[in-house]
C-alpha atoms as a PDB file:
ATOM      1  CA  UNK A   1      42.279  99.756   2.955  1.00  0.00           C
ATOM      2  CA  UNK A   2      40.657 102.783   4.550  1.00  0.00           C
ATOM      3  CA  UNK A   3      37.389 100.879   4.638  1.00  0.00           C
ATOM      4  CA  UNK A   4      38.929  98.085   6.734  1.00  0.00           C
ATOM      5  CA  UNK A   5      40.468 100.635   9.086  1.00  0.00           C
ATOM      6  CA  UNK A   6      37.100 102.332   9.499  1.00  0.00           C
ATOM      7  CA  UNK A   7      35.434  98.969  10.199  1.00  0.00           C
ATOM      8  CA  UNK A   8      38.105  98.162  12.773  1.00  0.00           C
ATOM      9  CA  UNK A   9      37.586 101.542  14.460  1.00  0.00           C
ATOM     10  CA  UNK A  10      33.807 101.089  14.468  1.00  0.00           C
ATOM     11  CA  UNK A  11      34.217  97.597  15.948  1.00  0.00           C
ATOM     12  CA  UNK A  12      36.512  98.969  18.669  1.00  0.00           C
ATOM     13  CA  UNK A  13      34.026 101.731  19.435  1.00  0.00           C
ATOM     14  CA  UNK A  14      31.205  99.182  19.675  1.00  0.00           C
ATOM     15  CA  UNK A  15      33.283  97.000  22.018  1.00  0.00           C
ATOM     16  CA  UNK A  16      34.007 100.052  24.210  1.00  0.00           C
ATOM     17  CA  UNK A  17      30.292 100.867  24.387  1.00  0.00           C
ATOM     18  CA  UNK A  18      29.448  97.248  25.258  1.00  0.00           C
ATOM     19  CA  UNK A  19      32.151  96.954  27.908  1.00  0.00           C
ATOM     20  CA  UNK A  20      31.323 100.277  29.535  1.00  0.00           C
ATOM     21  CA  UNK A  21      27.629  99.341  29.592  1.00  0.00           C
ATOM     22  CA  UNK A  22      28.472  96.194  31.545  1.00  0.00           C
ATOM     23  CA  UNK A  23      31.260  97.568  33.740  1.00  0.00           C
ATOM     24  CA  UNK A  24      31.512 101.372  33.950  1.00  0.00           C
ATOM     25  CA  UNK A  25      34.193 101.222  36.646  1.00  0.00           C
ATOM     26  CA  UNK A  26      36.960  99.796  34.449  1.00  0.00           C
ATOM     27  CA  UNK A  27      40.197 101.688  34.069  1.00  0.00           C
ATOM     28  CA  UNK A  28      41.328 102.690  30.588  1.00  0.00           C
ATOM     29  CA  UNK A  29      44.082 100.065  30.888  1.00  0.00           C
ATOM     30  CA  UNK A  30      41.551  97.307  31.644  1.00  0.00           C
ATOM     31  CA  UNK A  31      39.359  98.558  28.821  1.00  0.00           C
ATOM     32  CA  UNK A  32      42.316  98.436  26.414  1.00  0.00           C
ATOM     33  CA  UNK A  33      42.988  94.802  27.369  1.00  0.00           C
ATOM     34  CA  UNK A  34      39.367  93.782  26.870  1.00  0.00           C
ATOM     35  CA  UNK A  35      39.073  95.538  23.512  1.00  0.00           C
ATOM     36  CA  UNK A  36      42.487  94.337  22.360  1.00  0.00           C
ATOM     37  CA  UNK A  37      43.994  97.746  21.665  1.00  0.00           C
ATOM     38  CA  UNK A  38      46.926  99.652  23.125  1.00  0.00           C
ATOM     39  CA  UNK A  39      46.539 101.793  26.240  1.00  0.00           C
ATOM     40  CA  UNK A  40      47.167 104.918  24.170  1.00  0.00           C
ATOM     41  CA  UNK A  41      44.503 103.936  21.655  1.00  0.00           C
ATOM     42  CA  UNK A  42      42.014 103.237  24.442  1.00  0.00           C
ATOM     43  CA  UNK A  43      42.737 106.603  26.053  1.00  0.00           C
ATOM     44  CA  UNK A  44      42.414 108.413  22.709  1.00  0.00           C
ATOM     45  CA  UNK A  45      39.157 106.575  21.928  1.00  0.00           C
ATOM     46  CA  UNK A  46      37.686 107.331  25.357  1.00  0.00           C
ATOM     47  CA  UNK A  47      38.577 111.022  25.104  1.00  0.00           C
ATOM     48  CA  UNK A  48      37.060 111.129  21.619  1.00  0.00           C
ATOM     49  CA  UNK A  49      33.825 109.521  22.844  1.00  0.00           C
ATOM     50  CA  UNK A  50      33.684 111.890  25.817  1.00  0.00           C
ATOM     51  CA  UNK A  51      34.247 114.904  23.531  1.00  0.00           C
ATOM     52  CA  UNK A  52      31.431 113.752  21.238  1.00  0.00           C
ATOM     53  CA  UNK A  53      29.085 113.429  24.228  1.00  0.00           C
ATOM     54  CA  UNK A  54      28.660 109.650  24.003  1.00  0.00           C
ATOM     55  CA  UNK A  55      30.290 108.927  27.350  1.00  0.00           C
ATOM     56  CA  UNK A  56      30.249 110.804  30.619  1.00  0.00           C
ATOM     57  CA  UNK A  57      33.259 110.585  32.896  1.00  0.00           C
ATOM     58  CA  UNK A  58      32.762 111.079  36.640  1.00  0.00           C
ATOM     59  CA  UNK A  59      33.811 110.216  40.182  1.00  0.00           C
ATOM     60  CA  UNK A  60      32.253 107.387  42.133  1.00  0.00           C
ATOM     61  CA  UNK A  61      29.897 109.005  44.585  1.00  0.00           C
ATOM     62  CA  UNK A  62      30.355 106.481  47.399  1.00  0.00           C
ATOM     63  CA  UNK A  63      34.003 105.700  46.837  1.00  0.00           C
ATOM     64  CA  UNK A  64      36.429 106.043  49.745  1.00  0.00           C
ATOM     65  CA  UNK A  65      39.125 106.655  47.127  1.00  0.00           C
ATOM     66  CA  UNK A  66      38.223 109.839  45.300  1.00  0.00           C
ATOM     67  CA  UNK A  67      40.653 108.930  42.528  1.00  0.00           C
ATOM     68  CA  UNK A  68      38.258 106.270  41.223  1.00  0.00           C
ATOM     69  CA  UNK A  69      36.176 107.157  38.179  1.00  0.00           C
ATOM     70  CA  UNK A  70      33.431 105.621  36.115  1.00  0.00           C
ATOM     71  CA  UNK A  71      32.396 105.863  32.489  1.00  0.00           C
ATOM     72  CA  UNK A  72      28.692 106.104  31.723  1.00  0.00           C
ATOM     73  CA  UNK A  73      26.910 106.072  28.399  1.00  0.00           C
ATOM     74  CA  UNK A  74      24.869 109.199  27.803  1.00  0.00           C
ATOM     75  CA  UNK A  75      21.511 109.027  26.007  1.00  0.00           C
ATOM     76  CA  UNK A  76      23.387 110.160  22.879  1.00  0.00           C
ATOM     77  CA  UNK A  77      25.880 107.331  23.487  1.00  0.00           C
ATOM     78  CA  UNK A  78      23.090 104.788  23.829  1.00  0.00           C
ATOM     79  CA  UNK A  79      21.664 105.904  20.464  1.00  0.00           C
ATOM     80  CA  UNK A  80      25.122 105.710  18.866  1.00  0.00           C
ATOM     81  CA  UNK A  81      25.657 102.234  20.323  1.00  0.00           C
ATOM     82  CA  UNK A  82      22.342 101.085  18.805  1.00  0.00           C
ATOM     83  CA  UNK A  83      23.252 102.589  15.431  1.00  0.00           C
ATOM     84  CA  UNK A  84      26.710 101.009  15.391  1.00  0.00           C
ATOM     85  CA  UNK A  85      25.274  97.662  16.509  1.00  0.00           C
ATOM     86  CA  UNK A  86      22.787  97.725  13.625  1.00  0.00           C
ATOM     87  CA  UNK A  87      25.537  98.463  11.100  1.00  0.00           C
ATOM     88  CA  UNK A  88      27.717  95.748  12.654  1.00  0.00           C
ATOM     89  CA  UNK A  89      24.920  93.168  12.352  1.00  0.00           C
ATOM     90  CA  UNK A  90      24.251  94.023   8.709  1.00  0.00           C
ATOM     91  CA  UNK A  91      27.943  93.733   7.875  1.00  0.00           C
ATOM     92  CA  UNK A  92      28.414  90.460   9.789  1.00  0.00           C
ATOM     93  CA  UNK A  93      25.306  88.902   8.240  1.00  0.00           C
ATOM     94  CA  UNK A  94      26.657  89.764   4.786  1.00  0.00           C
ATOM     95  CA  UNK A  95      30.054  88.276   5.684  1.00  0.00           C
ATOM     96  CA  UNK A  96      28.295  85.162   7.021  1.00  0.00           C
ATOM     97  CA  UNK A  97      26.281  84.810   3.825  1.00  0.00           C
ATOM     98  CA  UNK A  98      29.422  85.041   1.664  1.00  0.00           C
ATOM     99  CA  UNK A  99      31.343  82.659   3.913  1.00  0.00           C
ATOM    100  CA  UNK A 100      28.510  80.142   3.858  1.00  0.00           C
ATOM    101  CA  UNK A 101      28.473  80.281   0.046  1.00  0.00           C
ATOM    102  CA  UNK A 102      32.258  79.802  -0.088  1.00  0.00           C
ATOM    103  CA  UNK A 103      32.080  76.831   2.275  1.00  0.00           C
ATOM    104  CA  UNK A 104      29.356  75.205   0.164  1.00  0.00           C
ATOM    105  CA  UNK A 105      31.495  75.648  -2.965  1.00  0.00           C
ATOM    106  CA  UNK A 106      34.537  74.143  -1.236  1.00  0.00           C
ATOM    107  CA  UNK A 107      32.488  71.208   0.009  1.00  0.00           C
ATOM    108  CA  UNK A 108      31.238  70.584  -3.538  1.00  0.00           C
ATOM    109  CA  UNK A 109      34.819  70.705  -4.857  1.00  0.00           C
ATOM    110  CA  UNK A 110      36.075  68.295  -2.210  1.00  0.00           C
ATOM    111  CA  UNK A 111      33.102  66.012  -2.657  1.00  0.00           C
ATOM    112  CA  UNK A 112      33.603  65.821  -6.417  1.00  0.00           C
ATOM    113  CA  UNK A 113      37.288  64.942  -6.070  1.00  0.00           C
ATOM    114  CA  UNK A 114      36.885  62.187  -3.486  1.00  0.00           C
END
């Protein structure tokens, strides 16, 4: 069970990295919606990533509203994103391989009974 939770957390972290890379000006609420997690979880995850040095949090320089912020991946964050992406791809390829095998077996079973 802990393994699934860890995978889910890694997937959420990867999604956060991807979303921030594409749109650093999102609010934590918007980020939570896009990732599919609660606002509290998104806030906790962002703070964790900031504390680890993966994300930098700062004001928009040219913003008329000084309450606007942006999230930027640091070089350390870019490396972490690459590492997590590699692990994600390995895991998904393995899942795909197993699923493909299961589908082939089911097709054989259905074909033999028809």
